[in-house]
C-alpha atoms as a PDB file:
ATOM      1  CA  MET A   1      -0.061  -0.207   0.156  1.00  0.00           C
ATOM      2  CA  SER A   2       1.630   3.352  -0.838  1.00  0.00           C
ATOM      3  CA  TRP A   3       1.624   6.779   1.285  1.00  0.00           C
ATOM      4  CA  GLY A   4      -1.434   8.141  -1.554  1.00  0.00           C
ATOM      5  CA  GLU A   5      -3.514   5.118  -1.250  1.00  0.00           C
ATOM      6  CA  ILE A   6      -3.513   5.580   2.592  1.00  0.00           C
ATOM      7  CA  TYR A   7      -3.867   9.041   2.895  1.00  0.00           C
ATOM      8  CA  ASN A   8      -6.693   9.227   0.339  1.00  0.00           C
ATOM      9  CA  THR A   9      -8.574   6.909   2.054  1.00  0.00           C
ATOM     10  CA  SER A  10      -8.316   7.510   5.866  1.00  0.00           C
ATOM     11  CA  TRP A  11      -9.934  10.577   8.136  1.00  0.00           C
ATOM     12  CA  TRP A  12      -6.637  11.887   8.623  1.00  0.00           C
ATOM     13  CA  GLY A  13      -6.234  12.400   4.835  1.00  0.00           C
ATOM     14  CA  VAL A  14      -9.543  14.541   4.523  1.00  0.00           C
ATOM     15  CA  ALA A  15      -7.883  16.144   7.853  1.00  0.00           C
ATOM     16  CA  ILE A  16      -4.899  17.032   6.348  1.00  0.00           C
ATOM     17  CA  ASP A  17      -6.602  18.697   3.290  1.00  0.00           C
ATOM     18  CA  THR A  18      -8.838  21.247   5.076  1.00  0.00           C
ATOM     19  CA  ALA A  19      -5.533  22.418   7.560  1.00  0.00           C
ATOM     20  CA  SER A  20      -3.830  24.719   6.248  1.00  0.00           C
ATOM     21  CA  SER A  21      -1.190  24.463   8.797  1.00  0.00           C
ATOM     22  CA  VAL A  22      -0.350  21.162   8.138  1.00  0.00           C
ATOM     23  CA  GLY A  23      -0.291  20.816   4.490  1.00  0.00           C
ATOM     24  CA  THR A  24       0.982  17.362   3.393  1.00  0.00           C
ATOM     25  CA  LYS A  25       3.366  16.031   5.963  1.00  0.00           C
ATOM     26  CA  PRO A  26       3.521  12.527   5.377  1.00  0.00           C
ATOM     27  CA  ASP A  27       3.753  12.263   9.525  1.00  0.00           C
ATOM     28  CA  PHE A  28       0.397  12.002   9.920  1.00  0.00           C
ATOM     29  CA  PHE A  29      -0.323  11.341  13.535  1.00  0.00           C
ATOM     30  CA  GLY A  30       2.655  14.049  14.382  1.00  0.00           C
ATOM     31  CA  SER A  31       0.444  16.663  12.076  1.00  0.00           C
ATOM     32  CA  GLN A  32      -2.694  15.416  13.474  1.00  0.00           C
ATOM     33  CA  LEU A  33      -1.330  16.382  17.095  1.00  0.00           C
ATOM     34  CA  ASN A  34      -0.412  19.913  15.531  1.00  0.00           C
ATOM     35  CA  LEU A  35      -4.350  20.305  14.931  1.00  0.00           C
ATOM     36  CA  LEU A  36      -4.992  20.311  18.665  1.00  0.00           C
ATOM     37  CA  THR A  37      -6.348  22.923  21.175  1.00  0.00           C
ATOM     38  CA  SER A  38      -3.406  22.443  23.458  1.00  0.00           C
ATOM     39  CA  GLU A  39      -1.112  23.205  20.114  1.00  0.00           C
ATOM     40  CA  GLN A  40      -2.521  25.927  19.441  1.00  0.00           C
ATOM     41  CA  PRO A  41      -0.542  29.416  20.164  1.00  0.00           C
ATOM     42  CA  ASN A  42      -1.915  31.865  22.990  1.00  0.00           C
ATOM     43  CA  LEU A  43      -3.187  34.504  21.066  1.00  0.00           C
ATOM     44  CA  VAL A  44      -3.136  37.058  24.201  1.00  0.00           C
ATOM     45  CA  THR A  45       0.091  39.511  24.506  1.00  0.00           C
ATOM     46  CA  ASN A  46       1.109  40.188  28.062  1.00  0.00           C
ATOM     47  CA  GLY A  47      -1.823  37.685  29.768  1.00  0.00           C
ATOM     48  CA  THR A  48       0.355  37.300  32.767  1.00  0.00           C
ATOM     49  CA  PHE A  49      -0.134  40.991  33.311  1.00  0.00           C
ATOM     50  CA  ASP A  50       4.297  41.283  33.372  1.00  0.00           C
ATOM     51  CA  THR A  51       3.580  44.923  32.840  1.00  0.00           C
ATOM     52  CA  ASP A  52       0.580  47.147  32.199  1.00  0.00           C
ATOM     53  CA  SER A  53       0.888  47.418  28.595  1.00  0.00           C
ATOM     54  CA  ASP A  54      -1.114  45.654  25.917  1.00  0.00           C
ATOM     55  CA  TRP A  55      -4.508  45.807  27.572  1.00  0.00           C
ATOM     56  CA  SER A  56      -6.980  48.691  27.564  1.00  0.00           C
ATOM     57  CA  LEU A  57      -8.309  49.620  31.017  1.00  0.00           C
ATOM     58  CA  GLY A  58     -11.683  50.765  31.416  1.00  0.00           C
ATOM     59  CA  THR A  59     -12.786  52.831  34.769  1.00  0.00           C
ATOM     60  CA  GLY A  60     -11.449  51.578  37.827  1.00  0.00           C
ATOM     61  CA  TRP A  61      -9.323  48.715  36.490  1.00  0.00           C
ATOM     62  CA  SER A  62      -5.246  48.664  36.990  1.00  0.00           C
ATOM     63  CA  ILE A  63      -2.556  46.234  36.397  1.00  0.00           C
ATOM     64  CA  GLU A  64      -0.036  45.646  39.174  1.00  0.00           C
ATOM     65  CA  ASP A  65       1.932  42.918  40.884  1.00  0.00           C
ATOM     66  CA  GLY A  66       1.452  40.590  37.744  1.00  0.00           C
ATOM     67  CA  LYS A  67      -2.119  40.908  37.742  1.00  0.00           C
ATOM     68  CA  ALA A  68      -5.238  42.699  36.620  1.00  0.00           C
ATOM     69  CA  TYR A  69      -7.343  44.230  39.322  1.00  0.00           C
ATOM     70  CA  ARG A  70     -11.019  46.323  39.096  1.00  0.00           C
ATOM     71  CA  GLY A  71     -12.248  47.459  42.561  1.00  0.00           C
ATOM     72  CA  ALA A  72     -15.869  48.532  43.343  1.00  0.00           C
ATOM     73  CA  GLU A  73     -16.641  51.951  40.968  1.00  0.00           C
ATOM     74  CA  ALA A  74     -19.331  53.983  40.050  1.00  0.00           C
ATOM     75  CA  SER A  75     -20.579  51.781  36.495  1.00  0.00           C
ATOM     76  CA  GLY A  76     -19.737  48.583  34.890  1.00  0.00           C
ATOM     77  CA  SER A  77     -16.224  48.811  32.882  1.00  0.00           C
ATOM     78  CA  ASN A  78     -14.023  46.542  30.804  1.00  0.00           C
ATOM     79  CA  LEU A  79     -10.274  45.153  30.335  1.00  0.00           C
ATOM     80  CA  GLN A  80     -10.081  44.310  27.010  1.00  0.00           C
ATOM     81  CA  GLN A  81      -7.479  43.730  24.607  1.00  0.00           C
ATOM     82  CA  ASN A  82      -7.889  44.260  20.636  1.00  0.00           C
ATOM     83  CA  ASN A  83      -7.591  42.018  17.527  1.00  0.00           C
ATOM     84  CA  ILE A  84      -7.844  38.368  19.527  1.00  0.00           C
ATOM     85  CA  PHE A  85     -10.277  36.921  17.373  1.00  0.00           C
ATOM     86  CA  THR A  86     -11.340  36.158  13.719  1.00  0.00           C
ATOM     87  CA  ILE A  87     -14.990  36.199  12.997  1.00  0.00           C
ATOM     88  CA  GLY A  88     -16.328  32.645  12.674  1.00  0.00           C
ATOM     89  CA  LYS A  89     -13.725  30.720  14.538  1.00  0.00           C
ATOM     90  CA  LYS A  90     -14.043  28.749  17.770  1.00  0.00           C
ATOM     91  CA  TYR A  91     -11.853  30.055  21.033  1.00  0.00           C
ATOM     92  CA  LYS A  92     -11.148  28.353  24.204  1.00  0.00           C
ATOM     93  CA  VAL A  93     -10.337  31.112  26.868  1.00  0.00           C
ATOM     94  CA  THR A  94      -8.639  30.341  29.997  1.00  0.00           C
ATOM     95  CA  LEU A  95      -7.933  32.489  32.750  1.00  0.00           C
ATOM     96  CA  ASP A  96      -7.022  32.464  36.986  1.00  0.00           C
ATOM     97  CA  VAL A  97     -10.100  34.321  38.939  1.00  0.00           C
ATOM     98  CA  LEU A  98      -8.125  35.295  42.397  1.00  0.00           C
ATOM     99  CA  GLU A  99     -11.319  37.716  43.445  1.00  0.00           C
ATOM    100  CA  ASN A 100     -14.470  37.621  42.043  1.00  0.00           C
ATOM    101  CA  ILE A 101     -17.446  39.797  43.915  1.00  0.00           C
ATOM    102  CA  GLY A 102     -20.489  40.852  41.890  1.00  0.00           C
ATOM    103  CA  ILE A 103     -21.181  40.042  38.270  1.00  0.00           C
ATOM    104  CA  ASN A 104     -18.184  39.677  35.995  1.00  0.00           C
ATOM    105  CA  LYS A 105     -18.115  38.136  32.799  1.00  0.00           C
ATOM    106  CA  VAL A 106     -15.553  37.686  29.804  1.00  0.00           C
ATOM    107  CA  PHE A 107     -16.856  37.803  26.250  1.00  0.00           C
ATOM    108  CA  ILE A 108     -15.739  36.373  22.759  1.00  0.00           C
ATOM    109  CA  GLY A 109     -16.400  39.374  20.674  1.00  0.00           C
ATOM    110  CA  SER A 110     -19.286  41.263  21.975  1.00  0.00           C
ATOM    111  CA  GLY A 111     -21.423  38.321  21.402  1.00  0.00           C
ATOM    112  CA  THR A 112     -20.793  35.182  23.443  1.00  0.00           C
ATOM    113  CA  GLY A 113     -20.340  36.022  27.410  1.00  0.00           C
ATOM    114  CA  PHE A 114     -19.628  33.736  29.463  1.00  0.00           C
ATOM    115  CA  THR A 115     -20.268  34.728  33.622  1.00  0.00           C
ATOM    116  CA  LEU A 116     -17.366  34.167  35.818  1.00  0.00           C
ATOM    117  CA  SER A 117     -18.249  31.615  38.479  1.00  0.00           C
ATOM    118  CA  GLY A 118     -16.290  31.710  41.947  1.00  0.00           C
ATOM    119  CA  THR A 119     -12.590  31.573  41.759  1.00  0.00           C
ATOM    120  CA  GLY A 120      -9.725  29.547  40.638  1.00  0.00           C
ATOM    121  CA  THR A 121      -8.747  28.304  36.833  1.00  0.00           C
ATOM    122  CA  GLN A 122     -11.753  28.952  34.451  1.00  0.00           C
ATOM    123  CA  THR A 123     -11.923  27.810  31.090  1.00  0.00           C
ATOM    124  CA  PHE A 124     -14.912  29.115  28.176  1.00  0.00           C
ATOM    125  CA  ILE A 125     -15.475  28.058  25.105  1.00  0.00           C
ATOM    126  CA  GLY A 126     -17.294  29.766  22.067  1.00  0.00           C
ATOM    127  CA  ASN A 127     -18.122  31.330  18.631  1.00  0.00           C
ATOM    128  CA  CYS A 128     -16.354  34.486  17.530  1.00  0.00           C
ATOM    129  CA  THR A 129     -19.516  36.076  16.052  1.00  0.00           C
ATOM    130  CA  ASN A 130     -19.142  40.048  15.230  1.00  0.00           C
ATOM    131  CA  ASN A 131     -16.046  41.293  16.640  1.00  0.00           C
ATOM    132  CA  THR A 132     -12.244  41.093  17.580  1.00  0.00           C
ATOM    133  CA  ILE A 133     -11.890  42.101  21.183  1.00  0.00           C
ATOM    134  CA  LEU A 134     -11.889  39.901  24.303  1.00  0.00           C
ATOM    135  CA  TYR A 135     -13.617  41.643  26.882  1.00  0.00           C
ATOM    136  CA  ILE A 136     -13.061  41.154  30.791  1.00  0.00           C
ATOM    137  CA  GLN A 137     -16.240  42.830  31.907  1.00  0.00           C
ATOM    138  CA  ALA A 138     -16.973  44.319  35.652  1.00  0.00           C
ATOM    139  CA  SER A 139     -20.511  44.334  35.032  1.00  0.00           C
ATOM    140  CA  ASN A 140     -21.780  46.711  37.833  1.00  0.00           C
ATOM    141  CA  HIS A 141     -20.651  49.228  40.567  1.00  0.00           C
ATOM    142  CA  ASN A 142     -20.731  46.404  43.127  1.00  0.00           C
ATOM    143  CA  SER A 143     -18.266  44.039  41.283  1.00  0.00           C
ATOM    144  CA  GLU A 144     -14.454  43.507  41.909  1.00  0.00           C
ATOM    145  CA  VAL A 145     -12.245  40.978  40.107  1.00  0.00           C
ATOM    146  CA  LYS A 146      -8.589  39.941  40.473  1.00  0.00           C
ATOM    147  CA  ILE A 147      -7.311  37.780  37.516  1.00  0.00           C
ATOM    148  CA  ASP A 148      -3.994  36.470  35.855  1.00  0.00           C
ATOM    149  CA  ASN A 149      -2.793  33.927  33.117  1.00  0.00           C
ATOM    150  CA  VAL A 150      -5.489  34.869  30.404  1.00  0.00           C
ATOM    151  CA  SER A 151      -4.806  32.403  27.327  1.00  0.00           C
ATOM    152  CA  VAL A 152      -6.797  32.594  24.101  1.00  0.00           C
ATOM    153  CA  GLN A 153      -6.788  29.685  21.591  1.00  0.00           C
ATOM    154  CA  VAL A 154      -8.253  28.529  18.943  1.00  0.00           C
ATOM    155  CA  ALA A 155     -10.191  25.531  19.682  1.00  0.00           C
ATOM    156  CA  ARG A 156      -9.884  22.393  17.865  1.00  0.00           C
ATOM    157  CA  ALA A 157     -10.143  18.697  18.496  1.00  0.00           C
ATOM    158  CA  GLU A 158      -8.691  17.439  22.016  1.00  0.00           C
ATOM    159  CA  LEU A 159      -7.013  14.487  22.491  1.00  0.00           C
ATOM    160  CA  ASP A 160      -9.874  12.751  24.502  1.00  0.00           C
ATOM    161  CA  GLN A 161     -11.879  13.525  21.547  1.00  0.00           C
ATOM    162  CA  ILE A 162     -12.533  10.167  18.936  1.00  0.00           C
ATOM    163  CA  GLU A 163     -10.978  11.841  16.207  1.00  0.00           C
ATOM    164  CA  ALA A 164      -7.681  12.001  17.930  1.00  0.00           C
ATOM    165  CA  LYS A 165      -8.622   8.710  18.913  1.00  0.00           C
ATOM    166  CA  LYS A 166      -9.134   7.268  15.666  1.00  0.00           C
ATOM    167  CA  CYS A 167      -5.770   9.234  14.285  1.00  0.00           C
ATOM    168  CA  LEU A 168      -4.141   7.215  16.730  1.00  0.00           C
ATOM    169  CA  ALA A 169      -5.436   4.148  15.538  1.00  0.00           C
ATOM    170  CA  ASP A 170      -4.705   4.737  11.817  1.00  0.00           C
ATOM    171  CA  TRP A 171      -1.083   5.677  12.616  1.00  0.00           C
ATOM    172  CA  ILE A 172      -0.471   2.226  14.803  1.00  0.00           C
ATOM    173  CA  HIS A 173      -2.312   0.428  11.877  1.00  0.00           C
ATOM    174  CA  THR A 174      -0.195   2.132   9.204  1.00  0.00           C
ATOM    175  CA  THR A 175       2.912   1.662  11.152  1.00  0.00           C
ATOM    176  CA  ALA A 176       2.413  -1.771  11.531  1.00  0.00           C
ATOM    177  CA  LEU A 177       1.402  -2.553   8.005  1.00  0.00           C
ATOM    178  CA  LYS A 178       4.843  -0.912   7.028  1.00  0.00           C
ATOM    179  CA  ASP A 179       6.742  -3.065   9.595  1.00  0.00           C
ATOM    180  CA  LEU A 180       4.993  -6.422   8.292  1.00  0.00           C
ATOM    181  CA  ASN A 181       6.470  -5.172   4.756  1.00  0.00           C
ATOM    182  CA  ASN A 182       9.741  -4.827   5.846  1.00  0.00           C
END
């Protein structure tokens, strides 16, 4: 069986055709792992708040000691970073919530919004439907929030999903066939 026969009749052959980042690499298993969400780059600049740059700070927001903080103010306000999303793509947003009082949200563009729930590492997955801005919003005057480690990645398959398992099975199968033929 030749590489072209395997490539044209398998699930990962179709996946590689649709993934511009992979092209026609002969390492099918490695190529598929490159498509996983965990292998996607973080699209946020300065998500660890090492400096007070790269973010637009709404009323009451500050960046100090490697954290973004918003204390109680007279009205709601946003911490935001522009040009993060591409309309029509799906994203995974992860952040560490260190303090959370009131109603605080994360928005993928201005459409898909998720309410922060308590404290700890929180992850949200949603589609970008209208603009390219990441918003972290303190929704009202009683809201306080402190965050760190903001990450945004294009959401792709995860290793525990069936497609990735099939990729592994296909790779093992084709490797075994090569070994039997040698």
